Amino acid sequence: MNDAQAIDIGATGKGSDRSRSLRYTWALILSDLYRYAGNRGTRSFLRHFLFTPGFKYSTVMRLCGCLKKRALMRLTVYPLLKLLLLRYRYKYGIAIPEYTKIGPGFFINRFGNIMINGDAIIGANCNITHGSMLGQMNRGPNQGSPILGNGVFLAAGCKVIGKITIGNRAAVGANAVVTKPVPDDAVVGGIPARILSMNGSEGYINRRVDPDYDTRFRPVS
């Protein structure tokens, strides 16, 4: 998967025309909700927004990213939501900027010490666990931030550093440090990370959604 393909995977951040649309943003939020609840109902939304830190953070984050691009909202509602997002950042230990490109079906498993560089790109149906980091490399051949394909699972404490691609359905093991590209369906672990198997993230990514907005990110499993 190349950079252009990754950027097109339900991206909501800089450079996406659809990211200005409240309808599109709401579809993304509901796709996230399905990953948590298995449905998109109002009752489930209220329950998870009130009691699930990961969903609460991603909902406010996505709304901030959308409203920041709308002239009137940028001067009125956005500053209030931004303050709320900053409060959640320090309360829950989740630092993901609102302009980060993140596809549908984003799932934050647990919370605390989750650090995502704003230039990282995250595909559809990805799971990020507590202690995970997508970090920027400031020099060398991999200068930049990571690109995650669809269905990627990041286990607790793992670090992915530099402009490297983590392939579709790949899994990164607990406390692994990844500084080289990971192929599709690979499981990597260790310091530095190496390929342990080709079993991928099967069994770790549940309640997936279609990454195509034309289907309104409909559930596929």
C-alpha atoms as a PDB file:
ATOM      1  CA  MET A   1       0.000   0.000   0.000  1.00  0.00           C
ATOM      2  CA  ASN A   2       1.461   3.341  -1.030  1.00  0.00           C
ATOM      3  CA  ASP A   3       1.055   6.740   0.590  1.00  0.00           C
ATOM      4  CA  ALA A   4      -1.677   7.870  -1.790  1.00  0.00           C
ATOM      5  CA  GLN A   5      -3.797   4.829  -1.043  1.00  0.00           C
ATOM      6  CA  ALA A   6      -3.398   5.302   2.696  1.00  0.00           C
ATOM      7  CA  ILE A   7      -4.375   8.965   2.519  1.00  0.00           C
ATOM      8  CA  ASP A   8      -7.591   8.029   0.713  1.00  0.00           C
ATOM      9  CA  ILE A   9      -8.761   5.558   3.371  1.00  0.00           C
ATOM     10  CA  GLY A  10     -11.599   7.519   4.967  1.00  0.00           C
ATOM     11  CA  ALA A  11      -9.149  10.307   5.764  1.00  0.00           C
ATOM     12  CA  THR A  12     -10.600  13.113   7.858  1.00  0.00           C
ATOM     13  CA  GLY A  13      -7.658  15.436   8.313  1.00  0.00           C
ATOM     14  CA  LYS A  14      -5.724  17.955   6.269  1.00  0.00           C
ATOM     15  CA  GLY A  15      -6.385  17.845   2.544  1.00  0.00           C
ATOM     16  CA  SER A  16      -9.705  16.018   2.690  1.00  0.00           C
ATOM     17  CA  ASP A  17     -12.693  17.929   1.202  1.00  0.00           C
ATOM     18  CA  ARG A  18     -15.137  15.597   2.905  1.00  0.00           C
ATOM     19  CA  SER A  19     -13.636  16.439   6.282  1.00  0.00           C
ATOM     20  CA  ARG A  20     -15.505  19.760   6.108  1.00  0.00           C
ATOM     21  CA  SER A  21     -18.847  17.948   6.042  1.00  0.00           C
ATOM     22  CA  LEU A  22     -20.693  17.401   9.314  1.00  0.00           C
ATOM     23  CA  ARG A  23     -22.591  14.525   7.682  1.00  0.00           C
ATOM     24  CA  TYR A  24     -19.336  12.805   6.775  1.00  0.00           C
ATOM     25  CA  THR A  25     -17.894  13.383  10.233  1.00  0.00           C
ATOM     26  CA  TRP A  26     -21.027  12.006  11.879  1.00  0.00           C
ATOM     27  CA  ALA A  27     -20.803   8.892   9.682  1.00  0.00           C
ATOM     28  CA  LEU A  28     -17.235   8.418  10.923  1.00  0.00           C
ATOM     29  CA  ILE A  29     -18.325   8.792  14.546  1.00  0.00           C
ATOM     30  CA  LEU A  30     -21.072   6.211  14.068  1.00  0.00           C
ATOM     31  CA  SER A  31     -18.574   3.848  12.432  1.00  0.00           C
ATOM     32  CA  ASP A  32     -16.402   4.187  15.546  1.00  0.00           C
ATOM     33  CA  LEU A  33     -19.431   3.515  17.726  1.00  0.00           C
ATOM     34  CA  TYR A  34     -20.133   0.273  15.875  1.00  0.00           C
ATOM     35  CA  ARG A  35     -16.633  -0.942  16.737  1.00  0.00           C
ATOM     36  CA  TYR A  36     -17.425  -0.463  20.447  1.00  0.00           C
ATOM     37  CA  ALA A  37     -21.099  -1.367  20.685  1.00  0.00           C
ATOM     38  CA  GLY A  38     -21.966  -3.509  17.672  1.00  0.00           C
ATOM     39  CA  ASN A  39     -24.720  -1.046  16.746  1.00  0.00           C
ATOM     40  CA  ARG A  40     -25.204   2.645  16.042  1.00  0.00           C
ATOM     41  CA  GLY A  41     -28.157   3.387  18.299  1.00  0.00           C
ATOM     42  CA  THR A  42     -28.720   6.538  20.312  1.00  0.00           C
ATOM     43  CA  ARG A  43     -28.668   4.647  23.599  1.00  0.00           C
ATOM     44  CA  SER A  44     -25.311   3.065  22.769  1.00  0.00           C
ATOM     45  CA  PHE A  45     -23.930   6.434  21.721  1.00  0.00           C
ATOM     46  CA  LEU A  46     -24.900   8.051  25.010  1.00  0.00           C
ATOM     47  CA  ARG A  47     -23.567   5.155  27.063  1.00  0.00           C
ATOM     48  CA  HIS A  48     -20.186   5.054  25.361  1.00  0.00           C
ATOM     49  CA  PHE A  49     -19.813   8.819  25.144  1.00  0.00           C
ATOM     50  CA  LEU A  50     -20.434   9.079  28.860  1.00  0.00           C
ATOM     51  CA  PHE A  51     -18.457   6.072  30.069  1.00  0.00           C
ATOM     52  CA  THR A  52     -15.904   5.010  27.418  1.00  0.00           C
ATOM     53  CA  PRO A  53     -12.869   7.338  27.363  1.00  0.00           C
ATOM     54  CA  GLY A  54     -11.591   6.210  23.964  1.00  0.00           C
ATOM     55  CA  PHE A  55     -14.888   6.801  22.186  1.00  0.00           C
ATOM     56  CA  LYS A  56     -15.437  10.073  24.024  1.00  0.00           C
ATOM     57  CA  TYR A  57     -12.018  11.333  22.935  1.00  0.00           C
ATOM     58  CA  SER A  58     -12.323  10.245  19.295  1.00  0.00           C
ATOM     59  CA  THR A  59     -15.802  11.794  19.001  1.00  0.00           C
ATOM     60  CA  VAL A  60     -14.663  15.208  20.209  1.00  0.00           C
ATOM     61  CA  MET A  61     -11.458  14.906  18.182  1.00  0.00           C
ATOM     62  CA  ARG A  62     -13.359  14.224  14.940  1.00  0.00           C
ATOM     63  CA  LEU A  63     -15.791  17.088  15.585  1.00  0.00           C
ATOM     64  CA  CYS A  64     -12.895  19.470  16.270  1.00  0.00           C
ATOM     65  CA  GLY A  65     -11.222  18.464  13.011  1.00  0.00           C
ATOM     66  CA  CYS A  66     -14.406  19.158  11.087  1.00  0.00           C
ATOM     67  CA  LEU A  67     -15.488  22.409  12.740  1.00  0.00           C
ATOM     68  CA  LYS A  68     -12.022  23.926  12.516  1.00  0.00           C
ATOM     69  CA  LYS A  69     -12.422  23.999   8.724  1.00  0.00           C
ATOM     70  CA  ARG A  70     -15.781  25.800   8.765  1.00  0.00           C
ATOM     71  CA  ALA A  71     -15.414  29.583   8.995  1.00  0.00           C
ATOM     72  CA  LEU A  72     -18.301  30.319  11.353  1.00  0.00           C
ATOM     73  CA  MET A  73     -17.759  27.271  13.560  1.00  0.00           C
ATOM     74  CA  ARG A  74     -14.027  27.978  13.814  1.00  0.00           C
ATOM     75  CA  LEU A  75     -14.797  31.206  15.650  1.00  0.00           C
ATOM     76  CA  THR A  76     -17.663  29.934  17.819  1.00  0.00           C
ATOM     77  CA  VAL A  77     -18.085  26.233  18.639  1.00  0.00           C
ATOM     78  CA  TYR A  78     -14.592  25.010  17.746  1.00  0.00           C
ATOM     79  CA  PRO A  79     -12.730  26.856  20.557  1.00  0.00           C
ATOM     80  CA  LEU A  80     -15.052  25.297  23.156  1.00  0.00           C
ATOM     81  CA  LEU A  81     -14.630  21.795  21.728  1.00  0.00           C
ATOM     82  CA  LYS A  82     -10.870  22.310  21.523  1.00  0.00           C
ATOM     83  CA  LEU A  83     -10.763  23.140  25.227  1.00  0.00           C
ATOM     84  CA  LEU A  84     -12.797  20.012  25.930  1.00  0.00           C
ATOM     85  CA  LEU A  85     -10.413  17.942  23.803  1.00  0.00           C
ATOM     86  CA  LEU A  86      -7.427  19.316  25.733  1.00  0.00           C
ATOM     87  CA  ARG A  87      -9.151  18.453  28.988  1.00  0.00           C
ATOM     88  CA  TYR A  88      -9.685  14.869  27.812  1.00  0.00           C
ATOM     89  CA  ARG A  89      -6.067  14.712  26.676  1.00  0.00           C
ATOM     90  CA  TYR A  90      -4.804  15.320  30.187  1.00  0.00           C
ATOM     91  CA  LYS A  91      -7.592  13.382  31.917  1.00  0.00           C
ATOM     92  CA  TYR A  92      -7.258  10.218  29.842  1.00  0.00           C
ATOM     93  CA  GLY A  93      -3.671  10.415  28.616  1.00  0.00           C
ATOM     94  CA  ILE A  94      -4.638  10.333  24.926  1.00  0.00           C
ATOM     95  CA  ALA A  95      -2.841  12.773  22.621  1.00  0.00           C
ATOM     96  CA  ILE A  96      -4.183  12.606  19.072  1.00  0.00           C
ATOM     97  CA  PRO A  97      -4.458  15.964  17.263  1.00  0.00           C
ATOM     98  CA  GLU A  98      -7.774  16.755  15.614  1.00  0.00           C
ATOM     99  CA  TYR A  99      -6.155  17.107  12.187  1.00  0.00           C
ATOM    100  CA  THR A 100      -4.776  13.549  12.154  1.00  0.00           C
ATOM    101  CA  LYS A 101      -6.009  11.510   9.178  1.00  0.00           C
ATOM    102  CA  ILE A 102      -7.961   8.585  10.637  1.00  0.00           C
ATOM    103  CA  GLY A 103     -10.251   6.246   8.718  1.00  0.00           C
ATOM    104  CA  PRO A 104     -13.604   4.857   9.867  1.00  0.00           C
ATOM    105  CA  GLY A 105     -13.979   2.289  12.619  1.00  0.00           C
ATOM    106  CA  PHE A 106     -11.303   3.687  14.928  1.00  0.00           C
ATOM    107  CA  PHE A 107     -11.076   1.818  18.245  1.00  0.00           C
ATOM    108  CA  ILE A 108      -9.065   2.888  21.290  1.00  0.00           C
ATOM    109  CA  ASN A 109      -8.666  -0.135  23.541  1.00  0.00           C
ATOM    110  CA  ARG A 110      -8.143   1.110  27.098  1.00  0.00           C
ATOM    111  CA  PHE A 111      -6.539   4.504  27.536  1.00  0.00           C
ATOM    112  CA  GLY A 112      -3.431   6.184  28.893  1.00  0.00           C
ATOM    113  CA  ASN A 113      -0.112   7.193  27.369  1.00  0.00           C
ATOM    114  CA  ILE A 114      -1.378   7.030  23.770  1.00  0.00           C
ATOM    115  CA  MET A 115       0.691   9.418  21.676  1.00  0.00           C
ATOM    116  CA  ILE A 116      -0.013   9.908  17.970  1.00  0.00           C
ATOM    117  CA  ASN A 117       1.927  12.395  15.852  1.00  0.00           C
ATOM    118  CA  GLY A 118      -0.510  14.575  13.926  1.00  0.00           C
ATOM    119  CA  ASP A 119       1.109  13.743  10.576  1.00  0.00           C
ATOM    120  CA  ALA A 120       0.534  10.012  11.022  1.00  0.00           C
ATOM    121  CA  ILE A 121      -2.113   8.334   8.852  1.00  0.00           C
ATOM    122  CA  ILE A 122      -4.389   5.619  10.251  1.00  0.00           C
ATOM    123  CA  GLY A 123      -6.544   3.450   7.996  1.00  0.00           C
ATOM    124  CA  ALA A 124      -9.945   1.890   8.597  1.00  0.00           C
ATOM    125  CA  ASN A 125     -10.771  -0.535  11.431  1.00  0.00           C
ATOM    126  CA  CYS A 126      -7.588   0.023  13.401  1.00  0.00           C
ATOM    127  CA  ASN A 127      -7.149  -0.760  17.104  1.00  0.00           C
ATOM    128  CA  ILE A 128      -4.783   1.243  19.296  1.00  0.00           C
ATOM    129  CA  THR A 129      -4.050   0.058  22.817  1.00  0.00           C
ATOM    130  CA  HIS A 130      -2.772   1.925  25.891  1.00  0.00           C
ATOM    131  CA  GLY A 131       0.888   2.911  25.800  1.00  0.00           C
ATOM    132  CA  SER A 132       1.033   2.938  21.987  1.00  0.00           C
ATOM    133  CA  MET A 133       2.936   5.606  20.081  1.00  0.00           C
ATOM    134  CA  LEU A 134       3.097   6.628  16.434  1.00  0.00           C
ATOM    135  CA  GLY A 135       6.117   8.892  16.467  1.00  0.00           C
ATOM    136  CA  GLN A 136       7.910  11.144  14.032  1.00  0.00           C
ATOM    137  CA  MET A 137      11.503  10.598  12.936  1.00  0.00           C
ATOM    138  CA  ASN A 138      13.286  13.867  12.294  1.00  0.00           C
ATOM    139  CA  ARG A 139      16.170  12.681  10.131  1.00  0.00           C
ATOM    140  CA  GLY A 140      17.375   9.803   7.998  1.00  0.00           C
ATOM    141  CA  PRO A 141      15.677   7.873   5.175  1.00  0.00           C
ATOM    142  CA  ASN A 142      12.486   7.330   7.204  1.00  0.00           C
ATOM    143  CA  GLN A 143      12.016  10.958   8.170  1.00  0.00           C
ATOM    144  CA  GLY A 144       8.339  11.583   8.871  1.00  0.00           C
ATOM    145  CA  SER A 145       5.450   9.797  10.573  1.00  0.00           C
ATOM    146  CA  PRO A 146       3.948   6.286  10.268  1.00  0.00           C
ATOM    147  CA  ILE A 147       1.236   5.166   7.850  1.00  0.00           C
ATOM    148  CA  LEU A 148      -1.118   2.424   9.028  1.00  0.00           C
ATOM    149  CA  GLY A 149      -3.161   0.363   6.587  1.00  0.00           C
ATOM    150  CA  ASN A 150      -6.584  -1.111   7.254  1.00  0.00           C
ATOM    151  CA  GLY A 151      -7.224  -3.529  10.112  1.00  0.00           C
ATOM    152  CA  VAL A 152      -3.974  -2.855  11.982  1.00  0.00           C
ATOM    153  CA  PHE A 153      -3.695  -3.856  15.631  1.00  0.00           C
ATOM    154  CA  LEU A 154      -1.240  -2.061  17.925  1.00  0.00           C
ATOM    155  CA  ALA A 155      -0.691  -3.879  21.225  1.00  0.00           C
ATOM    156  CA  ALA A 156       0.054  -2.244  24.560  1.00  0.00           C
ATOM    157  CA  GLY A 157       3.249  -0.243  24.801  1.00  0.00           C
ATOM    158  CA  CYS A 158       4.359  -0.580  21.180  1.00  0.00           C
ATOM    159  CA  LYS A 159       6.229   2.197  19.379  1.00  0.00           C
ATOM    160  CA  VAL A 160       6.121   2.790  15.622  1.00  0.00           C
ATOM    161  CA  ILE A 161       8.598   5.459  14.580  1.00  0.00           C
ATOM    162  CA  GLY A 162       9.288   7.176  11.272  1.00  0.00           C
ATOM    163  CA  LYS A 163       7.607   7.301   7.877  1.00  0.00           C
ATOM    164  CA  ILE A 164       7.107   3.581   7.510  1.00  0.00           C
ATOM    165  CA  THR A 165       4.064   1.662   6.323  1.00  0.00           C
ATOM    166  CA  ILE A 166       2.375  -0.894   8.540  1.00  0.00           C
ATOM    167  CA  GLY A 167       0.543  -3.107   6.073  1.00  0.00           C
ATOM    168  CA  ASN A 168      -3.095  -4.087   5.999  1.00  0.00           C
ATOM    169  CA  ARG A 169      -4.207  -6.499   8.738  1.00  0.00           C
ATOM    170  CA  ALA A 170      -0.781  -6.388  10.419  1.00  0.00           C
ATOM    171  CA  ALA A 171      -0.327  -6.720  14.182  1.00  0.00           C
ATOM    172  CA  VAL A 172       2.376  -5.093  16.305  1.00  0.00           C
ATOM    173  CA  GLY A 173       3.169  -6.931  19.540  1.00  0.00           C
ATOM    174  CA  ALA A 174       3.322  -5.510  23.047  1.00  0.00           C
ATOM    175  CA  ASN A 175       6.292  -3.203  23.726  1.00  0.00           C
ATOM    176  CA  ALA A 176       7.662  -3.708  20.197  1.00  0.00           C
ATOM    177  CA  VAL A 177       9.732  -0.939  18.630  1.00  0.00           C
ATOM    178  CA  VAL A 178       9.104  -0.742  14.881  1.00  0.00           C
ATOM    179  CA  THR A 179      11.377   1.331  12.647  1.00  0.00           C
ATOM    180  CA  LYS A 180      11.037  -0.607   9.365  1.00  0.00           C
ATOM    181  CA  PRO A 181       8.044  -1.272   7.082  1.00  0.00           C
ATOM    182  CA  VAL A 182       5.776  -4.187   8.004  1.00  0.00           C
ATOM    183  CA  PRO A 183       4.131  -6.214   5.200  1.00  0.00           C
ATOM    184  CA  ASP A 184       0.447  -7.081   4.991  1.00  0.00           C
ATOM    185  CA  ASP A 185      -0.732  -9.773   7.448  1.00  0.00           C
ATOM    186  CA  ALA A 186       2.525  -9.823   9.395  1.00  0.00           C
ATOM    187  CA  VAL A 187       2.864 -10.081  13.177  1.00  0.00           C
ATOM    188  CA  VAL A 188       5.939  -8.288  14.491  1.00  0.00           C
ATOM    189  CA  GLY A 189       7.447  -8.078  17.944  1.00  0.00           C
ATOM    190  CA  GLY A 190      10.631  -7.381  19.841  1.00  0.00           C
ATOM    191  CA  ILE A 191      13.213  -4.599  20.016  1.00  0.00           C
ATOM    192  CA  PRO A 192      13.884  -3.946  17.227  1.00  0.00           C
ATOM    193  CA  ALA A 193      10.744  -5.567  15.847  1.00  0.00           C
ATOM    194  CA  ARG A 194      10.988  -8.568  13.533  1.00  0.00           C
ATOM    195  CA  ILE A 195       8.406 -10.725  11.818  1.00  0.00           C
ATOM    196  CA  LEU A 196       7.122 -13.487  14.108  1.00  0.00           C
ATOM    197  CA  SER A 197       4.370 -14.915  11.911  1.00  0.00           C
ATOM    198  CA  MET A 198       2.039 -14.122   9.027  1.00  0.00           C
ATOM    199  CA  ASN A 199      -1.168 -14.593  11.020  1.00  0.00           C
ATOM    200  CA  GLY A 200      -1.879 -10.868  11.064  1.00  0.00           C
ATOM    201  CA  SER A 201      -4.533  -9.201  13.202  1.00  0.00           C
ATOM    202  CA  GLU A 202      -7.164 -11.898  12.684  1.00  0.00           C
ATOM    203  CA  GLY A 203      -9.179 -12.275  15.880  1.00  0.00           C
ATOM    204  CA  TYR A 204      -8.084  -8.897  17.256  1.00  0.00           C
ATOM    205  CA  ILE A 205     -10.114  -6.662  14.931  1.00  0.00           C
ATOM    206  CA  ASN A 206     -13.816  -7.221  15.509  1.00  0.00           C
ATOM    207  CA  ARG A 207     -16.976  -5.484  14.258  1.00  0.00           C
ATOM    208  CA  ARG A 208     -15.391  -4.069  11.132  1.00  0.00           C
ATOM    209  CA  VAL A 209     -16.943  -1.466   8.852  1.00  0.00           C
ATOM    210  CA  ASP A 210     -16.679  -0.861   5.121  1.00  0.00           C
ATOM    211  CA  PRO A 211     -14.072   1.879   4.513  1.00  0.00           C
ATOM    212  CA  ASP A 212     -16.119   3.282   1.592  1.00  0.00           C
ATOM    213  CA  TYR A 213     -18.202   6.343   2.495  1.00  0.00           C
ATOM    214  CA  ASP A 214     -20.605   5.552  -0.333  1.00  0.00           C
ATOM    215  CA  THR A 215     -21.912   2.736   1.880  1.00  0.00           C
ATOM    216  CA  ARG A 216     -21.917   5.101   4.895  1.00  0.00           C
ATOM    217  CA  PHE A 217     -19.280   2.808   6.410  1.00  0.00           C
ATOM    218  CA  ARG A 218     -21.772  -0.032   6.757  1.00  0.00           C
ATOM    219  CA  PRO A 219     -20.916  -2.942   9.086  1.00  0.00           C
ATOM    220  CA  VAL A 220     -19.266  -5.874   7.316  1.00  0.00           C
ATOM    221  CA  SER A 221     -18.675  -8.244  10.243  1.00  0.00           C
END
